Amino acid sequence: MLFLLLMVGGIVVYTLFDPNKSVWMPKCPFRLLTGWNCPACGLQRALHALLHGRFAEALSYNYFFVVSIPYVIALFVAEALKRIPRGDNFIRAVEHPVLARVYIILFIAWGIIRNLLQV
C-alpha cells in the first residue's frame, strides 16, 4: 500500500513539475561528477514528457527508459499476479533470471552507447 501511495505521489509530482524548470528536482550525481550521462539520465524529463503525452520528446531524453516501460509494467503485473494462483507461467517468464540479466546488460550498454554516440 505504501509503495502504491509513493508511486501515485511521484506521478502527481512529475505531472505538475517540470524537471527542466524545477531547481529542487534531484540532479544526477554521476553526471555532476564526471560530465557523462548515466544510463538513467533524462529519466525525470522523459517521465514528465510522457505524462503530458509527448512521446517523441520523452524518447529524446532517454530512449532506454521509454522502451523499458512495457517490461517494467510486466514486472508490476507479475507482482500483482503472485496473489492469484493462475499467474505462475507469466510470473516465471517475466521474472526469469536470464531476462533480468539481459535487461541489466542492455541498461549498462545503453549507458556506454549514449556517451560514445552523444545520444
Protein backbone atom coordinates (compact mmCIF):
# COMPACT_ATOMS: atom_id res chain seq x y z
CA MET A 1 0.00 0.00 0.00
CA LEU A 2 2.83 2.39 0.85
CA PHE A 3 4.51 1.64 -2.48
CA LEU A 4 1.28 2.44 -4.34
CA LEU A 5 0.94 5.75 -2.49
CA LEU A 6 4.55 6.66 -3.29
CA MET A 7 4.02 5.78 -6.94
CA VAL A 8 0.85 7.88 -7.21
CA GLY A 9 2.59 10.73 -5.38
CA GLY A 10 5.52 10.53 -7.81
CA ILE A 11 3.21 10.61 -10.79
CA VAL A 12 1.45 13.68 -9.39
CA VAL A 13 4.79 15.44 -8.75
CA TYR A 14 6.16 14.67 -12.22
CA THR A 15 2.88 15.72 -13.82
CA LEU A 16 2.80 19.07 -12.04
CA PHE A 17 6.50 19.99 -12.00
CA ASP A 18 8.83 20.14 -14.99
CA PRO A 19 12.30 18.80 -14.04
CA ASN A 20 13.80 21.20 -16.61
CA LYS A 21 12.49 24.19 -14.69
CA SER A 22 12.49 22.94 -11.09
CA VAL A 23 15.60 23.75 -9.10
CA TRP A 24 14.67 21.31 -6.32
CA MET A 25 14.38 18.21 -8.53
CA PRO A 26 17.31 15.83 -7.94
CA LYS A 27 20.26 16.03 -10.32
CA CYS A 28 22.31 13.04 -11.45
CA PRO A 29 25.36 12.70 -9.18
CA PHE A 30 27.21 10.64 -11.82
CA ARG A 31 26.79 13.42 -14.39
CA LEU A 32 27.74 16.12 -11.87
CA LEU A 33 30.96 14.25 -11.02
CA THR A 34 32.00 13.01 -14.47
CA GLY A 35 30.15 15.08 -17.05
CA TRP A 36 28.93 11.83 -18.63
CA ASN A 37 25.34 10.64 -18.83
CA CYS A 38 24.48 7.64 -16.71
CA PRO A 39 22.03 5.12 -18.21
CA ALA A 40 19.18 6.76 -16.27
CA CYS A 41 19.99 10.40 -17.14
CA GLY A 42 16.95 12.10 -18.60
CA LEU A 43 14.53 9.74 -16.89
CA GLN A 44 12.78 12.51 -14.93
CA ARG A 45 12.37 14.68 -18.02
CA ALA A 46 11.22 11.67 -20.06
CA LEU A 47 8.63 10.76 -17.43
CA HIS A 48 7.34 14.34 -17.34
CA ALA A 49 7.08 14.38 -21.15
CA LEU A 50 5.27 11.00 -21.22
CA LEU A 51 2.79 12.13 -18.58
CA HIS A 52 1.97 15.05 -20.87
CA GLY A 53 1.64 12.84 -23.96
CA ARG A 54 4.89 13.95 -25.63
CA PHE A 55 6.28 10.57 -26.68
CA ALA A 56 8.92 11.83 -29.15
CA GLU A 57 10.26 14.30 -26.58
CA ALA A 58 10.43 11.52 -23.98
CA LEU A 59 12.45 9.40 -26.42
CA SER A 60 14.88 12.27 -26.93
CA TYR A 61 15.57 12.39 -23.18
CA ASN A 62 16.11 8.67 -22.59
CA TYR A 63 15.36 6.01 -25.23
CA PHE A 64 16.03 3.11 -22.88
CA PHE A 65 13.56 4.28 -20.25
CA VAL A 66 10.75 4.68 -22.77
CA VAL A 67 11.46 1.31 -24.42
CA SER A 68 11.68 -0.36 -20.98
CA ILE A 69 8.21 0.69 -19.87
CA PRO A 70 6.44 -2.49 -21.13
CA TYR A 71 8.93 -4.67 -19.24
CA VAL A 72 8.51 -2.64 -16.06
CA ILE A 73 4.72 -2.86 -16.38
CA ALA A 74 5.06 -6.63 -16.85
CA LEU A 75 7.07 -6.79 -13.61
CA PHE A 76 4.31 -4.94 -11.75
CA VAL A 77 1.67 -7.24 -13.24
CA ALA A 78 3.73 -10.30 -12.24
CA GLU A 79 3.96 -8.96 -8.70
CA ALA A 80 0.18 -8.49 -8.59
CA LEU A 81 -0.40 -11.98 -10.01
CA LYS A 82 1.58 -13.56 -7.18
CA ARG A 83 -1.61 -13.28 -5.17
CA ILE A 84 -3.51 -15.25 -7.85
CA PRO A 85 -2.64 -18.94 -8.29
CA ARG A 86 -3.19 -18.96 -12.07
CA GLY A 87 -0.47 -16.41 -12.90
CA ASP A 88 2.51 -18.75 -12.41
CA ASN A 89 3.58 -19.07 -16.06
CA PHE A 90 3.55 -15.33 -16.63
CA ILE A 91 5.45 -14.69 -13.40
CA ARG A 92 8.12 -17.27 -14.26
CA ALA A 93 8.59 -15.74 -17.73
CA VAL A 94 8.81 -12.13 -16.57
CA GLU A 95 11.00 -12.84 -13.55
CA HIS A 96 13.26 -15.33 -15.32
CA PRO A 97 16.91 -14.74 -14.29
CA VAL A 98 18.09 -14.68 -17.91
CA LEU A 99 15.62 -11.92 -18.79
CA ALA A 100 16.73 -9.91 -15.75
CA ARG A 101 20.40 -10.33 -16.72
CA VAL A 102 19.71 -9.30 -20.32
CA TYR A 103 17.88 -6.21 -19.06
CA ILE A 104 20.82 -5.25 -16.81
CA ILE A 105 23.32 -5.82 -19.64
CA LEU A 106 21.22 -3.69 -22.01
CA PHE A 107 20.95 -0.97 -19.34
CA ILE A 108 24.74 -0.84 -18.95
CA ALA A 109 25.26 -1.00 -22.73
CA TRP A 110 22.84 1.91 -23.14
CA GLY A 111 24.91 3.95 -20.68
CA ILE A 112 28.06 3.31 -22.70
CA ILE A 113 26.46 3.81 -26.11
CA ARG A 114 24.75 7.05 -25.18
CA ASN A 115 28.09 8.56 -24.14
CA LEU A 116 30.02 7.27 -27.15
CA LEU A 117 27.41 8.48 -29.63
CA GLN A 118 26.39 11.54 -27.57
CA VAL A 119 22.72 10.46 -27.62
